[in-house]
Amino acid sequence: MASIEKLIKLAKEHLDENEEIKHSIRGAYETKVLGSNTVRQGILLATNKRIVFFAKKLTGFDLEIFPYSKISSIEFSKGLMGHTISFFASNNKVKMKWIKGGGVKEFVESVRLSIENPKESSNTNTQDETAQQIQQLHDLKEKGILTDDEFQQKKKQLLGL
């Protein structure tokens, strides 16, 4: 079985350009294939946009995406075999069990906050990019490439003022 680092690297190929992984966990994902219950070993990624399930197969991969706007609740528990996370997305129950290692509480808290405040999770990158652009403009002003008026005008434009 592939390491969690390798699975994350492979999963990144399927993420959006500005999508950022906040938390990841590894376990056994319960799903239905051709009407039969099955378990797949893989990872759940909590990104700034959604939850992503990714599993490597011998001849390919499995990928399932759950936008935060479609998730109504999330729960987790701990038993003898490890942690279990369940969430409800578009009237389907999604479950990952036998989760070993840390990060489960952080994963659940991150998802819970993204469900409750969907604008905050999707705007994080936009805010970071805007701050970075303003810093670049400031550097240009300090180097004498932009005047103070040009800097202020562009800054207001970036901030939407």
Protein backbone atom coordinates (compact mmCIF):
# COMPACT_ATOMS: atom_id res chain seq x y z
CA MET A 1 0.00 0.00 0.00
CA ALA A 2 1.25 3.49 -0.87
CA SER A 3 2.34 5.87 1.88
CA ILE A 4 0.09 8.78 2.80
CA GLU A 5 2.67 11.17 1.34
CA LYS A 6 2.58 9.36 -2.01
CA LEU A 7 -1.23 9.33 -2.01
CA ILE A 8 -1.31 13.08 -1.29
CA LYS A 9 1.14 13.72 -4.12
CA LEU A 10 -1.02 11.69 -6.54
CA ALA A 11 -4.23 13.34 -5.33
CA LYS A 12 -2.78 16.84 -5.86
CA GLU A 13 -2.85 16.15 -9.61
CA HIS A 14 -6.66 16.25 -9.40
CA LEU A 15 -7.04 19.42 -7.33
CA ASP A 16 -7.86 22.86 -8.70
CA GLU A 17 -5.01 25.29 -9.34
CA ASN A 18 -5.64 27.38 -6.19
CA GLU A 19 -6.83 24.48 -4.03
CA GLU A 20 -4.87 24.02 -0.82
CA ILE A 21 -4.83 20.90 1.38
CA LYS A 22 -5.51 21.81 5.00
CA HIS A 23 -5.65 18.32 6.57
CA SER A 24 -5.36 14.70 5.49
CA ILE A 25 -6.23 11.37 7.06
CA ARG A 26 -5.83 7.77 5.92
CA GLY A 27 -8.20 4.89 6.48
CA ALA A 28 -10.77 2.55 4.97
CA TYR A 29 -13.52 4.23 2.95
CA GLU A 30 -16.88 2.46 2.86
CA THR A 31 -18.76 2.78 -0.42
CA LYS A 32 -21.00 0.90 -2.84
CA VAL A 33 -19.73 -0.49 -6.13
CA LEU A 34 -22.32 -1.99 -8.49
CA GLY A 35 -24.80 -2.13 -5.61
CA SER A 36 -22.46 -4.04 -3.28
CA ASN A 37 -20.80 -2.67 -0.15
CA THR A 38 -17.04 -2.44 -0.44
CA VAL A 39 -14.12 -0.95 1.48
CA ARG A 40 -11.27 0.95 -0.18
CA GLN A 41 -8.03 2.01 1.48
CA GLY A 42 -7.29 5.66 0.78
CA ILE A 43 -7.13 9.22 2.06
CA LEU A 44 -9.58 11.99 2.82
CA LEU A 45 -8.30 15.48 2.16
CA ALA A 46 -9.87 18.59 3.64
CA THR A 47 -9.02 21.42 1.27
CA ASN A 48 -10.00 25.07 1.24
CA LYS A 49 -12.85 24.13 -1.17
CA ARG A 50 -14.06 20.59 -0.41
CA ILE A 51 -13.39 17.12 0.95
CA VAL A 52 -11.68 14.79 -1.51
CA PHE A 53 -11.41 11.01 -1.24
CA PHE A 54 -8.51 9.50 -3.19
CA ALA A 55 -7.38 5.89 -3.47
CA LYS A 56 -4.71 4.33 -5.69
CA LYS A 57 -5.67 1.17 -7.55
CA LEU A 58 -3.51 -1.24 -9.50
CA THR A 59 -4.68 0.17 -12.82
CA GLY A 60 -5.74 3.68 -11.85
CA PHE A 61 -7.39 5.50 -8.98
CA ASP A 62 -10.69 6.29 -7.26
CA LEU A 63 -11.64 9.91 -6.68
CA GLU A 64 -14.75 11.30 -5.04
CA ILE A 65 -15.39 14.97 -4.31
CA PHE A 66 -17.68 16.51 -1.69
CA PRO A 67 -18.13 20.31 -1.85
CA TYR A 68 -18.62 21.85 1.60
CA SER A 69 -21.91 23.35 0.40
CA LYS A 70 -23.32 19.82 0.02
CA ILE A 71 -22.20 18.57 3.46
CA SER A 72 -24.82 18.88 6.17
CA SER A 73 -22.96 17.41 9.18
CA ILE A 74 -19.83 15.58 10.28
CA GLU A 75 -19.21 13.26 13.21
CA PHE A 76 -16.35 11.17 14.51
CA SER A 77 -15.73 8.46 17.05
CA LYS A 78 -12.93 6.28 18.37
CA GLY A 79 -12.95 2.55 18.91
CA LEU A 80 -10.61 -0.38 19.25
CA MET A 81 -9.69 -0.31 15.54
CA GLY A 82 -9.09 3.45 15.41
CA HIS A 83 -11.15 6.53 14.60
CA THR A 84 -14.19 6.70 12.35
CA ILE A 85 -15.43 9.79 10.52
CA SER A 86 -18.88 10.06 8.96
CA PHE A 87 -20.48 12.93 7.15
CA PHE A 88 -23.66 13.46 5.19
CA ALA A 89 -23.37 14.91 1.69
CA SER A 90 -26.31 15.23 -0.70
CA ASN A 91 -28.37 12.69 1.29
CA ASN A 92 -25.54 10.13 1.23
CA LYS A 93 -23.64 8.95 4.28
CA VAL A 94 -19.90 8.91 3.72
CA LYS A 95 -17.80 6.91 6.15
CA MET A 96 -14.08 6.34 6.68
CA LYS A 97 -13.05 3.93 9.40
CA TRP A 98 -9.90 2.41 10.85
CA ILE A 99 -8.15 5.77 10.85
CA LYS A 100 -4.80 5.53 12.59
CA GLY A 101 -2.53 8.37 13.58
CA GLY A 102 -3.17 11.93 14.58
CA GLY A 103 -4.96 14.77 12.96
CA VAL A 104 -8.51 13.42 13.16
CA LYS A 105 -9.78 16.12 15.52
CA GLU A 106 -8.12 18.85 13.44
CA PHE A 107 -9.59 17.37 10.24
CA VAL A 108 -13.12 17.29 11.72
CA GLU A 109 -12.81 20.81 13.17
CA SER A 110 -11.56 22.19 9.85
CA VAL A 111 -14.46 20.58 7.97
CA ARG A 112 -16.98 21.75 10.58
CA LEU A 113 -15.76 25.34 10.26
CA SER A 114 -15.85 25.13 6.45
CA ILE A 115 -19.44 23.84 6.57
CA GLU A 116 -20.52 26.60 8.97
CA ASN A 117 -18.58 29.39 7.19
CA PRO A 118 -18.29 28.42 3.52
CA LYS A 119 -17.28 31.92 2.40
CA GLU A 120 -14.34 32.04 4.81
CA SER A 121 -12.80 28.80 3.51
CA SER A 122 -13.17 29.75 -0.16
CA ASN A 123 -11.97 33.33 0.39
CA THR A 124 -8.79 32.41 2.27
CA ASN A 125 -6.71 32.06 -0.88
CA THR A 126 -8.18 35.22 -2.40
CA GLN A 127 -7.29 37.22 0.72
CA ASP A 128 -3.77 35.75 0.77
CA GLU A 129 -3.28 36.53 -2.92
CA THR A 130 -4.51 40.11 -2.45
CA ALA A 131 -2.15 40.67 0.48
CA GLN A 132 0.72 39.28 -1.58
CA GLN A 133 -0.12 41.57 -4.51
CA ILE A 134 -0.27 44.60 -2.23
CA GLN A 135 3.13 43.65 -0.78
CA GLN A 136 4.56 43.39 -4.30
CA LEU A 137 3.15 46.83 -5.16
CA HIS A 138 4.64 48.23 -1.95
CA ASP A 139 8.03 46.81 -2.93
CA LEU A 140 7.73 48.47 -6.35
CA LYS A 141 6.87 51.78 -4.65
CA GLU A 142 9.88 51.43 -2.32
CA LYS A 143 12.13 50.84 -5.35
CA GLY A 144 10.78 54.01 -6.98
CA ILE A 145 9.04 52.16 -9.83
CA LEU A 146 5.57 53.28 -8.66
CA THR A 147 4.62 56.65 -7.24
CA ASP A 148 2.72 56.84 -3.96
CA ASP A 149 -0.43 57.86 -5.87
CA GLU A 150 -0.10 54.88 -8.26
CA PHE A 151 0.43 52.56 -5.30
CA GLN A 152 -2.62 53.90 -3.42
CA GLN A 153 -4.81 53.71 -6.54
CA LYS A 154 -3.85 50.10 -7.31
CA LYS A 155 -4.19 49.09 -3.64
CA LYS A 156 -7.76 50.47 -3.54
CA GLN A 157 -8.56 48.61 -6.75
CA LEU A 158 -7.28 45.31 -5.30
CA LEU A 159 -9.26 45.86 -2.08
CA GLY A 160 -12.41 46.68 -4.03
CA LEU A 161 -12.72 50.17 -2.53
